[in-house]
C-alpha atoms as a PDB file:
ATOM      1  CA  MET A   1     240.343 106.754 196.369  1.00  0.00           C
ATOM      2  CA  ILE A   2     243.500 107.252 194.316  1.00  0.00           C
ATOM      3  CA  LYS A   3     243.909 107.122 190.550  1.00  0.00           C
ATOM      4  CA  ALA A   4     247.255 106.969 188.756  1.00  0.00           C
ATOM      5  CA  GLU A   5     248.075 107.379 185.076  1.00  0.00           C
ATOM      6  CA  GLN A   6     251.404 107.586 183.288  1.00  0.00           C
ATOM      7  CA  VAL A   7     251.252 110.764 181.207  1.00  0.00           C
ATOM      8  CA  ALA A   8     254.843 111.280 180.030  1.00  0.00           C
ATOM      9  CA  GLU A   9     258.415 110.132 180.194  1.00  0.00           C
ATOM     10  CA  HIS A  10     261.395 112.298 181.126  1.00  0.00           C
ATOM     11  CA  ASN A  11     265.020 111.217 180.972  1.00  0.00           C
ATOM     12  CA  GLY A  12     263.876 107.619 180.683  1.00  0.00           C
ATOM     13  CA  GLN A  13     261.671 107.788 183.767  1.00  0.00           C
ATOM     14  CA  ALA A  14     257.896 107.494 183.928  1.00  0.00           C
ATOM     15  CA  VAL A  15     255.936 110.616 184.879  1.00  0.00           C
ATOM     16  CA  PHE A  16     252.593 109.998 186.574  1.00  0.00           C
ATOM     17  CA  HIS A  17     249.479 112.057 187.227  1.00  0.00           C
ATOM     18  CA  TYR A  18     247.751 111.122 190.490  1.00  0.00           C
ATOM     19  CA  VAL A  19     244.269 112.073 191.678  1.00  0.00           C
ATOM     20  CA  LEU A  20     243.565 111.815 195.405  1.00  0.00           C
ATOM     21  CA  ASP A  21     239.831 111.915 196.108  1.00  0.00           C
ATOM     22  CA  ASN A  22     238.164 111.857 199.549  1.00  0.00           C
ATOM     23  CA  GLY A  23     234.638 112.334 198.218  1.00  0.00           C
ATOM     24  CA  THR A  24     234.599 116.062 199.013  1.00  0.00           C
ATOM     25  CA  MET A  25     237.701 117.442 197.339  1.00  0.00           C
ATOM     26  CA  GLN A  26     240.479 116.270 195.050  1.00  0.00           C
ATOM     27  CA  VAL A  27     244.218 116.853 195.106  1.00  0.00           C
ATOM     28  CA  GLU A  28     246.116 116.150 191.895  1.00  0.00           C
ATOM     29  CA  LEU A  29     249.835 115.400 192.099  1.00  0.00           C
ATOM     30  CA  SER A  30     252.757 114.339 189.948  1.00  0.00           C
ATOM     31  CA  ASN A  31     256.119 112.742 190.621  1.00  0.00           C
ATOM     32  CA  PHE A  32     257.636 115.246 188.203  1.00  0.00           C
ATOM     33  CA  GLY A  33     258.921 117.967 190.477  1.00  0.00           C
ATOM     34  CA  GLY A  34     257.091 116.586 193.517  1.00  0.00           C
ATOM     35  CA  LEU A  35     254.229 118.596 192.090  1.00  0.00           C
ATOM     36  CA  VAL A  36     250.880 119.695 193.512  1.00  0.00           C
ATOM     37  CA  PHE A  37     249.164 120.007 190.144  1.00  0.00           C
ATOM     38  CA  LYS A  38     245.649 121.014 191.223  1.00  0.00           C
ATOM     39  CA  ILE A  39     243.460 121.260 194.299  1.00  0.00           C
ATOM     40  CA  ASN A  40     239.764 120.981 193.490  1.00  0.00           C
ATOM     41  CA  ALA A  41     237.766 122.279 196.460  1.00  0.00           C
ATOM     42  CA  PRO A  42     234.055 123.037 196.930  1.00  0.00           C
ATOM     43  CA  ASP A  43     232.743 126.564 197.471  1.00  0.00           C
ATOM     44  CA  LYS A  44     229.914 127.418 199.877  1.00  0.00           C
ATOM     45  CA  ASN A  45     227.410 126.042 197.334  1.00  0.00           C
ATOM     46  CA  GLY A  46     229.297 122.796 196.822  1.00  0.00           C
ATOM     47  CA  ASN A  47     230.754 123.737 193.427  1.00  0.00           C
ATOM     48  CA  LEU A  48     234.204 122.262 192.805  1.00  0.00           C
ATOM     49  CA  GLU A  49     236.886 124.572 191.425  1.00  0.00           C
ATOM     50  CA  ASN A  50     240.638 124.378 191.110  1.00  0.00           C
ATOM     51  CA  ILE A  51     242.118 126.797 193.666  1.00  0.00           C
ATOM     52  CA  THR A  52     245.739 126.785 192.470  1.00  0.00           C
ATOM     53  CA  LEU A  53     247.685 128.424 189.658  1.00  0.00           C
ATOM     54  CA  THR A  54     248.819 125.715 187.276  1.00  0.00           C
ATOM     55  CA  LEU A  55     249.212 124.587 183.665  1.00  0.00           C
ATOM     56  CA  ASP A  56     246.751 122.598 181.573  1.00  0.00           C
ATOM     57  CA  SER A  57     248.561 119.255 181.935  1.00  0.00           C
ATOM     58  CA  VAL A  58     251.388 117.609 183.836  1.00  0.00           C
ATOM     59  CA  PRO A  59     253.538 117.108 180.698  1.00  0.00           C
ATOM     60  CA  GLU A  60     253.546 120.892 180.165  1.00  0.00           C
ATOM     61  CA  PHE A  61     255.563 121.250 183.367  1.00  0.00           C
ATOM     62  CA  ILE A  62     258.428 119.387 181.683  1.00  0.00           C
ATOM     63  CA  THR A  63     258.679 121.805 178.770  1.00  0.00           C
ATOM     64  CA  LYS A  64     257.080 125.114 179.770  1.00  0.00           C
ATOM     65  CA  PRO A  65     258.961 127.478 182.101  1.00  0.00           C
ATOM     66  CA  ASN A  66     256.814 128.619 185.003  1.00  0.00           C
ATOM     67  CA  PRO A  67     257.339 130.327 188.387  1.00  0.00           C
ATOM     68  CA  PHE A  68     257.518 127.095 190.432  1.00  0.00           C
ATOM     69  CA  PHE A  69     253.759 126.412 190.330  1.00  0.00           C
ATOM     70  CA  GLY A  70     253.048 123.659 192.879  1.00  0.00           C
ATOM     71  CA  ALA A  71     256.671 122.542 192.979  1.00  0.00           C
ATOM     72  CA  THR A  72     258.811 120.920 195.628  1.00  0.00           C
ATOM     73  CA  ALA A  73     261.689 123.407 195.930  1.00  0.00           C
ATOM     74  CA  GLY A  74     265.160 122.206 196.933  1.00  0.00           C
ATOM     75  CA  ARG A  75     267.813 121.384 197.896  1.00  0.00           C
ATOM     76  CA  VAL A  76     267.513 124.827 199.429  1.00  0.00           C
ATOM     77  CA  ALA A  77     264.296 126.744 198.858  1.00  0.00           C
ATOM     78  CA  ASN A  78     264.360 130.535 198.702  1.00  0.00           C
ATOM     79  CA  ARG A  79     267.504 132.590 198.203  1.00  0.00           C
ATOM     80  CA  ILE A  80     271.169 132.194 199.094  1.00  0.00           C
ATOM     81  CA  ALA A  81     273.072 135.466 198.734  1.00  0.00           C
ATOM     82  CA  LYS A  82     275.528 135.343 195.827  1.00  0.00           C
ATOM     83  CA  GLY A  83     275.036 131.563 195.771  1.00  0.00           C
ATOM     84  CA  GLN A  84     277.756 131.177 198.376  1.00  0.00           C
ATOM     85  CA  PHE A  85     278.018 129.439 201.723  1.00  0.00           C
ATOM     86  CA  GLU A  86     280.732 127.994 203.953  1.00  0.00           C
ATOM     87  CA  LEU A  87     280.422 124.679 205.745  1.00  0.00           C
ATOM     88  CA  GLU A  88     283.015 123.023 207.970  1.00  0.00           C
ATOM     89  CA  GLY A  89     285.728 125.283 206.600  1.00  0.00           C
ATOM     90  CA  THR A  90     284.912 124.661 202.928  1.00  0.00           C
ATOM     91  CA  SER A  91     283.440 127.357 200.670  1.00  0.00           C
ATOM     92  CA  TYR A  92     280.796 126.405 198.115  1.00  0.00           C
ATOM     93  CA  GLN A  93     279.632 128.297 195.035  1.00  0.00           C
ATOM     94  CA  LEU A  94     276.181 127.519 193.671  1.00  0.00           C
ATOM     95  CA  ALA A  95     274.475 128.717 190.505  1.00  0.00           C
ATOM     96  CA  THR A  96     273.263 132.320 190.564  1.00  0.00           C
ATOM     97  CA  ASN A  97     269.927 131.838 188.813  1.00  0.00           C
ATOM     98  CA  ASN A  98     268.097 134.816 190.355  1.00  0.00           C
ATOM     99  CA  GLY A  99     270.126 137.900 189.564  1.00  0.00           C
ATOM    100  CA  ASN A 100     273.215 137.713 191.773  1.00  0.00           C
ATOM    101  CA  ASN A 101     271.701 135.048 193.991  1.00  0.00           C
ATOM    102  CA  HIS A 102     270.762 131.380 194.150  1.00  0.00           C
ATOM    103  CA  LEU A 103     267.051 130.510 194.161  1.00  0.00           C
ATOM    104  CA  HIS A 104     265.105 127.290 194.867  1.00  0.00           C
ATOM    105  CA  GLY A 105     267.937 124.848 194.248  1.00  0.00           C
ATOM    106  CA  GLY A 106     269.569 126.325 191.157  1.00  0.00           C
ATOM    107  CA  ASN A 107     269.331 125.812 187.431  1.00  0.00           C
ATOM    108  CA  GLU A 108     267.811 122.343 187.790  1.00  0.00           C
ATOM    109  CA  GLY A 109     266.418 122.012 191.279  1.00  0.00           C
ATOM    110  CA  PHE A 110     264.127 119.377 192.721  1.00  0.00           C
ATOM    111  CA  ASP A 111     261.185 120.909 190.840  1.00  0.00           C
ATOM    112  CA  LYS A 112     262.679 119.582 187.577  1.00  0.00           C
ATOM    113  CA  LYS A 113     263.454 116.062 188.765  1.00  0.00           C
ATOM    114  CA  VAL A 114     261.457 112.859 188.399  1.00  0.00           C
ATOM    115  CA  TRP A 115     260.851 111.427 191.867  1.00  0.00           C
ATOM    116  CA  THR A 116     260.306 107.723 192.554  1.00  0.00           C
ATOM    117  CA  PRO A 117     256.629 107.403 193.568  1.00  0.00           C
ATOM    118  CA  GLU A 118     254.660 104.995 195.711  1.00  0.00           C
ATOM    119  CA  SER A 119     250.946 105.442 196.372  1.00  0.00           C
ATOM    120  CA  TYR A 120     249.273 104.395 199.618  1.00  0.00           C
ATOM    121  CA  SER A 121     245.935 104.594 201.420  1.00  0.00           C
ATOM    122  CA  ASN A 122     244.186 103.668 204.633  1.00  0.00           C
ATOM    123  CA  ASP A 123     240.902 104.534 206.346  1.00  0.00           C
ATOM    124  CA  SER A 124     241.884 108.167 206.915  1.00  0.00           C
ATOM    125  CA  VAL A 125     244.234 109.186 204.064  1.00  0.00           C
ATOM    126  CA  VAL A 126     245.160 108.651 200.444  1.00  0.00           C
ATOM    127  CA  GLY A 127     248.628 109.728 199.401  1.00  0.00           C
ATOM    128  CA  VAL A 128     251.796 109.420 197.398  1.00  0.00           C
ATOM    129  CA  LYS A 129     255.284 108.971 198.813  1.00  0.00           C
ATOM    130  CA  MET A 130     258.041 110.313 196.530  1.00  0.00           C
ATOM    131  CA  THR A 131     261.807 109.864 196.868  1.00  0.00           C
ATOM    132  CA  TYR A 132     264.701 111.531 195.067  1.00  0.00           C
ATOM    133  CA  LEU A 133     268.455 110.969 195.384  1.00  0.00           C
ATOM    134  CA  SER A 134     270.489 114.111 194.769  1.00  0.00           C
ATOM    135  CA  VAL A 135     274.083 113.040 194.201  1.00  0.00           C
ATOM    136  CA  ASP A 136     277.145 114.666 195.725  1.00  0.00           C
ATOM    137  CA  GLY A 137     277.969 117.856 193.801  1.00  0.00           C
ATOM    138  CA  GLU A 138     274.577 118.232 192.121  1.00  0.00           C
ATOM    139  CA  GLU A 139     273.996 121.970 191.602  1.00  0.00           C
ATOM    140  CA  GLY A 140     277.147 122.515 193.693  1.00  0.00           C
ATOM    141  CA  TYR A 141     275.820 121.049 196.964  1.00  0.00           C
ATOM    142  CA  PRO A 142     277.875 118.573 199.014  1.00  0.00           C
ATOM    143  CA  GLY A 143     276.780 115.061 199.909  1.00  0.00           C
ATOM    144  CA  ASN A 144     274.532 112.379 198.510  1.00  0.00           C
ATOM    145  CA  LEU A 145     271.124 113.462 199.776  1.00  0.00           C
ATOM    146  CA  GLU A 146     268.054 111.220 199.683  1.00  0.00           C
ATOM    147  CA  SER A 147     264.885 113.256 200.155  1.00  0.00           C
ATOM    148  CA  THR A 148     261.391 111.896 200.710  1.00  0.00           C
ATOM    149  CA  VAL A 149     258.110 113.770 200.584  1.00  0.00           C
ATOM    150  CA  TRP A 150     254.725 112.409 201.621  1.00  0.00           C
ATOM    151  CA  MET A 151     251.696 114.192 200.152  1.00  0.00           C
ATOM    152  CA  GLU A 152     248.346 112.984 201.412  1.00  0.00           C
ATOM    153  CA  LEU A 153     244.697 114.011 201.508  1.00  0.00           C
ATOM    154  CA  THR A 154     242.798 113.210 204.697  1.00  0.00           C
ATOM    155  CA  THR A 155     239.114 112.500 205.213  1.00  0.00           C
ATOM    156  CA  GLY A 156     239.023 115.858 207.050  1.00  0.00           C
ATOM    157  CA  ASN A 157     239.993 117.804 203.907  1.00  0.00           C
ATOM    158  CA  ALA A 158     243.591 118.427 204.957  1.00  0.00           C
ATOM    159  CA  LEU A 159     246.471 118.282 202.495  1.00  0.00           C
ATOM    160  CA  ARG A 160     249.447 117.107 204.550  1.00  0.00           C
ATOM    161  CA  ILE A 161     252.995 117.482 203.224  1.00  0.00           C
ATOM    162  CA  ARG A 162     255.937 116.035 205.134  1.00  0.00           C
ATOM    163  CA  PHE A 163     259.634 116.030 204.240  1.00  0.00           C
ATOM    164  CA  GLU A 164     262.495 113.849 205.436  1.00  0.00           C
ATOM    165  CA  ALA A 165     266.073 113.557 204.209  1.00  0.00           C
ATOM    166  CA  THR A 166     269.290 111.662 204.909  1.00  0.00           C
ATOM    167  CA  THR A 167     272.828 112.412 203.779  1.00  0.00           C
ATOM    168  CA  ASP A 168     276.276 110.837 203.828  1.00  0.00           C
ATOM    169  CA  LYS A 169     278.039 114.195 204.233  1.00  0.00           C
ATOM    170  CA  THR A 170     277.281 117.398 206.110  1.00  0.00           C
ATOM    171  CA  THR A 171     275.206 119.611 203.843  1.00  0.00           C
ATOM    172  CA  ILE A 172     272.527 122.289 203.954  1.00  0.00           C
ATOM    173  CA  LEU A 173     268.851 121.680 203.329  1.00  0.00           C
ATOM    174  CA  ASN A 174     265.618 123.659 203.200  1.00  0.00           C
ATOM    175  CA  LEU A 175     262.676 121.967 201.481  1.00  0.00           C
ATOM    176  CA  THR A 176     259.249 123.452 200.876  1.00  0.00           C
ATOM    177  CA  ASN A 177     256.215 123.256 198.644  1.00  0.00           C
ATOM    178  CA  HIS A 178     255.585 126.221 196.341  1.00  0.00           C
ATOM    179  CA  THR A 179     251.875 126.006 195.502  1.00  0.00           C
ATOM    180  CA  TYR A 180     250.185 129.255 194.447  1.00  0.00           C
ATOM    181  CA  PHE A 181     246.686 129.452 195.927  1.00  0.00           C
ATOM    182  CA  ASN A 182     243.674 131.443 194.775  1.00  0.00           C
ATOM    183  CA  LEU A 183     240.631 130.511 196.843  1.00  0.00           C
ATOM    184  CA  GLY A 184     238.319 132.263 194.405  1.00  0.00           C
ATOM    185  CA  GLY A 185     239.132 129.808 191.625  1.00  0.00           C
ATOM    186  CA  ALA A 186     241.700 132.044 189.875  1.00  0.00           C
ATOM    187  CA  LYS A 187     239.074 134.276 188.270  1.00  0.00           C
ATOM    188  CA  ARG A 188     240.955 137.420 189.317  1.00  0.00           C
ATOM    189  CA  ASP A 189     243.689 138.442 191.745  1.00  0.00           C
ATOM    190  CA  VAL A 190     243.754 137.557 195.439  1.00  0.00           C
ATOM    191  CA  GLN A 191     243.636 141.064 196.889  1.00  0.00           C
ATOM    192  CA  ASP A 192     240.120 140.426 198.213  1.00  0.00           C
ATOM    193  CA  HIS A 193     241.353 137.527 200.394  1.00  0.00           C
ATOM    194  CA  GLU A 194     241.491 138.017 204.163  1.00  0.00           C
ATOM    195  CA  PHE A 195     244.661 136.869 205.973  1.00  0.00           C
ATOM    196  CA  GLN A 196     245.547 136.281 209.593  1.00  0.00           C
ATOM    197  CA  PHE A 197     249.082 135.211 210.618  1.00  0.00           C
ATOM    198  CA  TRP A 198     250.113 133.883 214.010  1.00  0.00           C
ATOM    199  CA  ALA A 199     253.444 135.628 213.501  1.00  0.00           C
ATOM    200  CA  ASP A 200     254.868 138.416 215.605  1.00  0.00           C
ATOM    201  CA  ALA A 201     257.965 139.209 213.535  1.00  0.00           C
ATOM    202  CA  TYR A 202     259.380 139.115 210.023  1.00  0.00           C
ATOM    203  CA  THR A 203     262.813 139.260 208.398  1.00  0.00           C
ATOM    204  CA  PRO A 204     263.332 142.508 206.396  1.00  0.00           C
ATOM    205  CA  VAL A 205     265.057 142.223 203.007  1.00  0.00           C
ATOM    206  CA  ASP A 206     267.220 144.370 200.764  1.00  0.00           C
ATOM    207  CA  ASP A 207     266.447 145.334 197.170  1.00  0.00           C
ATOM    208  CA  GLU A 208     267.515 141.842 195.994  1.00  0.00           C
ATOM    209  CA  LEU A 209     265.125 140.211 198.492  1.00  0.00           C
ATOM    210  CA  ILE A 210     268.008 138.972 200.634  1.00  0.00           C
ATOM    211  CA  PRO A 211     267.425 139.201 204.412  1.00  0.00           C
ATOM    212  CA  THR A 212     269.312 142.023 206.087  1.00  0.00           C
ATOM    213  CA  GLY A 213     269.900 139.987 209.259  1.00  0.00           C
ATOM    214  CA  GLU A 214     267.236 141.795 211.265  1.00  0.00           C
ATOM    215  CA  VAL A 215     264.257 140.102 212.895  1.00  0.00           C
ATOM    216  CA  LYS A 216     261.706 142.892 213.195  1.00  0.00           C
ATOM    217  CA  ASP A 217     258.501 143.144 215.209  1.00  0.00           C
ATOM    218  CA  VAL A 218     255.410 143.463 213.001  1.00  0.00           C
ATOM    219  CA  GLU A 219     253.863 146.052 215.331  1.00  0.00           C
ATOM    220  CA  GLY A 220     252.993 149.238 213.420  1.00  0.00           C
ATOM    221  CA  THR A 221     253.980 147.816 210.011  1.00  0.00           C
ATOM    222  CA  PRO A 222     252.074 146.460 206.965  1.00  0.00           C
ATOM    223  CA  PHE A 223     253.343 143.034 208.077  1.00  0.00           C
ATOM    224  CA  ASP A 224     251.010 142.993 211.064  1.00  0.00           C
ATOM    225  CA  PHE A 225     248.400 140.371 210.181  1.00  0.00           C
ATOM    226  CA  ARG A 226     247.883 139.285 213.800  1.00  0.00           C
ATOM    227  CA  THR A 227     244.266 140.314 213.359  1.00  0.00           C
ATOM    228  CA  PRO A 228     242.481 139.575 210.051  1.00  0.00           C
ATOM    229  CA  LYS A 229     243.393 141.985 207.242  1.00  0.00           C
ATOM    230  CA  ILE A 230     242.284 142.311 203.621  1.00  0.00           C
ATOM    231  CA  LEU A 231     245.339 141.603 201.500  1.00  0.00           C
ATOM    232  CA  GLY A 232     244.822 144.475 199.045  1.00  0.00           C
ATOM    233  CA  ASP A 233     244.961 147.026 201.867  1.00  0.00           C
ATOM    234  CA  GLN A 234     248.254 145.607 203.137  1.00  0.00           C
ATOM    235  CA  ILE A 235     249.753 145.378 199.641  1.00  0.00           C
ATOM    236  CA  ALA A 236     248.959 149.060 199.094  1.00  0.00           C
ATOM    237  CA  ALA A 237     250.647 149.900 202.400  1.00  0.00           C
ATOM    238  CA  ASN A 238     253.742 147.846 201.527  1.00  0.00           C
ATOM    239  CA  ALA A 239     254.523 149.340 198.116  1.00  0.00           C
ATOM    240  CA  GLY A 240     253.465 146.481 195.926  1.00  0.00           C
ATOM    241  CA  GLY A 241     253.377 143.159 197.744  1.00  0.00           C
ATOM    242  CA  PHE A 242     255.077 140.639 199.970  1.00  0.00           C
ATOM    243  CA  ASP A 243     257.972 138.249 199.444  1.00  0.00           C
ATOM    244  CA  HIS A 244     259.085 137.941 203.054  1.00  0.00           C
ATOM    245  CA  ASN A 245     259.686 135.401 205.774  1.00  0.00           C
ATOM    246  CA  PHE A 246     257.143 135.668 208.580  1.00  0.00           C
ATOM    247  CA  VAL A 247     258.344 134.391 211.963  1.00  0.00           C
ATOM    248  CA  MET A 248     256.179 132.021 213.954  1.00  0.00           C
ATOM    249  CA  LYS A 249     255.274 133.105 217.467  1.00  0.00           C
ATOM    250  CA  ARG A 250     257.797 131.434 219.696  1.00  0.00           C
ATOM    251  CA  GLU A 251     256.467 128.512 221.671  1.00  0.00           C
ATOM    252  CA  LYS A 252     258.176 125.743 223.601  1.00  0.00           C
ATOM    253  CA  SER A 253     256.198 122.975 221.886  1.00  0.00           C
ATOM    254  CA  ALA A 254     257.616 121.366 218.752  1.00  0.00           C
ATOM    255  CA  ASP A 255     254.149 120.258 217.637  1.00  0.00           C
ATOM    256  CA  MET A 256     252.365 121.547 214.582  1.00  0.00           C
ATOM    257  CA  LYS A 257     251.189 125.118 215.162  1.00  0.00           C
ATOM    258  CA  HIS A 258     248.438 127.146 213.565  1.00  0.00           C
ATOM    259  CA  PHE A 259     250.311 129.662 211.417  1.00  0.00           C
ATOM    260  CA  VAL A 260     247.929 131.217 208.882  1.00  0.00           C
ATOM    261  CA  ARG A 261     244.198 131.463 208.164  1.00  0.00           C
ATOM    262  CA  VAL A 262     242.947 132.679 204.789  1.00  0.00           C
ATOM    263  CA  ARG A 263     239.292 133.454 204.027  1.00  0.00           C
ATOM    264  CA  HIS A 264     237.604 134.253 200.732  1.00  0.00           C
ATOM    265  CA  ALA A 265     234.182 135.706 201.469  1.00  0.00           C
ATOM    266  CA  GLU A 266     232.702 135.387 197.988  1.00  0.00           C
ATOM    267  CA  SER A 267     233.358 131.644 197.625  1.00  0.00           C
ATOM    268  CA  GLY A 268     233.101 130.868 201.339  1.00  0.00           C
ATOM    269  CA  ARG A 269     236.387 128.950 201.262  1.00  0.00           C
ATOM    270  CA  VAL A 270     238.663 129.020 204.290  1.00  0.00           C
ATOM    271  CA  MET A 271     242.216 127.634 204.359  1.00  0.00           C
ATOM    272  CA  ASP A 272     244.223 127.028 207.535  1.00  0.00           C
ATOM    273  CA  MET A 273     247.947 126.338 207.496  1.00  0.00           C
ATOM    274  CA  TYR A 274     249.802 124.484 210.238  1.00  0.00           C
ATOM    275  CA  SER A 275     253.549 124.028 210.453  1.00  0.00           C
ATOM    276  CA  ASP A 276     256.310 122.860 212.770  1.00  0.00           C
ATOM    277  CA  ASN A 277     258.757 125.324 211.180  1.00  0.00           C
ATOM    278  CA  MET A 278     259.614 128.709 212.625  1.00  0.00           C
ATOM    279  CA  GLY A 279     259.011 130.571 209.380  1.00  0.00           C
ATOM    280  CA  VAL A 280     256.799 130.817 206.340  1.00  0.00           C
ATOM    281  CA  GLN A 281     257.685 132.747 203.209  1.00  0.00           C
ATOM    282  CA  PHE A 282     254.624 134.764 202.218  1.00  0.00           C
ATOM    283  CA  TYR A 283     254.719 135.569 198.517  1.00  0.00           C
ATOM    284  CA  THR A 284     251.928 137.440 196.745  1.00  0.00           C
ATOM    285  CA  GLY A 285     252.787 136.695 193.109  1.00  0.00           C
ATOM    286  CA  ASN A 286     254.504 140.037 192.594  1.00  0.00           C
ATOM    287  CA  PHE A 287     256.431 138.901 189.510  1.00  0.00           C
ATOM    288  CA  ILE A 288     253.636 137.158 187.609  1.00  0.00           C
ATOM    289  CA  SER A 289     252.734 139.040 184.446  1.00  0.00           C
ATOM    290  CA  ASN A 290     250.556 138.037 181.503  1.00  0.00           C
ATOM    291  CA  PHE A 291     251.180 134.323 182.075  1.00  0.00           C
ATOM    292  CA  ALA A 292     249.145 131.852 180.023  1.00  0.00           C
ATOM    293  CA  GLY A 293     247.863 129.484 182.702  1.00  0.00           C
ATOM    294  CA  ALA A 294     245.368 126.635 182.808  1.00  0.00           C
ATOM    295  CA  ASP A 295     241.883 126.699 181.289  1.00  0.00           C
ATOM    296  CA  GLY A 296     242.621 129.659 179.027  1.00  0.00           C
ATOM    297  CA  LYS A 297     243.205 132.002 181.971  1.00  0.00           C
ATOM    298  CA  THR A 298     245.866 134.677 181.957  1.00  0.00           C
ATOM    299  CA  TYR A 299     247.530 135.067 185.346  1.00  0.00           C
ATOM    300  CA  ASP A 300     248.830 138.476 186.302  1.00  0.00           C
ATOM    301  CA  LYS A 301     250.347 140.247 189.285  1.00  0.00           C
ATOM    302  CA  HIS A 302     248.926 139.090 192.657  1.00  0.00           C
ATOM    303  CA  TRP A 303     246.884 136.353 190.970  1.00  0.00           C
ATOM    304  CA  GLY A 304     247.997 133.858 193.601  1.00  0.00           C
ATOM    305  CA  PHE A 305     249.749 133.613 196.955  1.00  0.00           C
ATOM    306  CA  CYS A 306     252.295 131.156 198.353  1.00  0.00           C
ATOM    307  CA  LEU A 307     252.757 130.070 201.952  1.00  0.00           C
ATOM    308  CA  GLU A 308     256.155 128.371 201.896  1.00  0.00           C
ATOM    309  CA  SER A 309     256.776 126.665 205.229  1.00  0.00           C
ATOM    310  CA  GLN A 310     260.550 126.513 205.568  1.00  0.00           C
ATOM    311  CA  ASN A 311     263.675 127.493 207.405  1.00  0.00           C
ATOM    312  CA  TRP A 312     264.584 131.140 207.135  1.00  0.00           C
ATOM    313  CA  PRO A 313     265.991 132.328 203.775  1.00  0.00           C
ATOM    314  CA  ASP A 314     269.753 132.896 203.474  1.00  0.00           C
ATOM    315  CA  ALA A 315     269.744 131.360 206.942  1.00  0.00           C
ATOM    316  CA  SER A 316     273.459 131.704 207.721  1.00  0.00           C
ATOM    317  CA  ILE A 317     273.065 135.461 208.131  1.00  0.00           C
ATOM    318  CA  THR A 318     270.508 134.957 210.905  1.00  0.00           C
ATOM    319  CA  LYS A 319     272.619 132.201 212.481  1.00  0.00           C
ATOM    320  CA  THR A 320     269.943 129.560 211.975  1.00  0.00           C
ATOM    321  CA  SER A 321     271.465 127.652 209.075  1.00  0.00           C
ATOM    322  CA  PRO A 322     269.583 124.387 208.393  1.00  0.00           C
ATOM    323  CA  VAL A 323     272.575 122.010 208.458  1.00  0.00           C
ATOM    324  CA  LEU A 324     272.036 118.286 207.961  1.00  0.00           C
ATOM    325  CA  SER A 325     274.673 115.683 208.748  1.00  0.00           C
END
């Protein structure tokens, strides 16, 4: 079942709140920002709770600054050093909206755009298809880029997110979803969650969180989640948290691969992440502080975690630049 309601208007375009319901759980979306607004999932006793960090309503996302809760990040998610890149002999300068660097598409990335929505359903899924045309030069990027994201809830309790894009000029692209999860219902931080990554390497970063160019084995480091680890123990060993790209174990198959499993013992919830990307940015909410979130809750450091399936950050330095033409 899918419900849709217009809840606001932004720049002359209708903003909708969607509820996808498979009878067991609910996923709430919006075409503002390609947003995952809420995920209402049952605990081991069947009690539904929202397991994301969010705001009280979709219209708040238009006016209240927030750290990309639930957003579709683009054109290029994550950081580009000094906001600069070169493509086919031309140098481009983007906004530096994260210290000296470019982050998640710039001053007005895809998370602040109204996407054109279309709902759909069949026997196995309910979903919303959203499309956005980013014109040549928007936020400094070349080419007219039409991006499409499908967000759908299956009868098997999977939230599937798929991106496609076309362009009329060679450009760079790196789309992801930026939902903050808290499987305990956001009652406290996520340091009691257990994580396992099918990742054998990570990309170290400098003090501005820009990759150094290394691809380092996780063996003997706090980044080794190849066997299940309690997050709080690993955060303590890594001087405060994670905001790093974890590298998928290399396989010949291009199919979806099991990348991460997260367990929360108290609630009994388990979340598995699959991806066809080589990397996932693991972020543990290190910069959240005293944030007035939904339902009167105050979110603080490590109150949520993100698993951002994407190409590697600042990808040109690792020679894996996601070029689209």
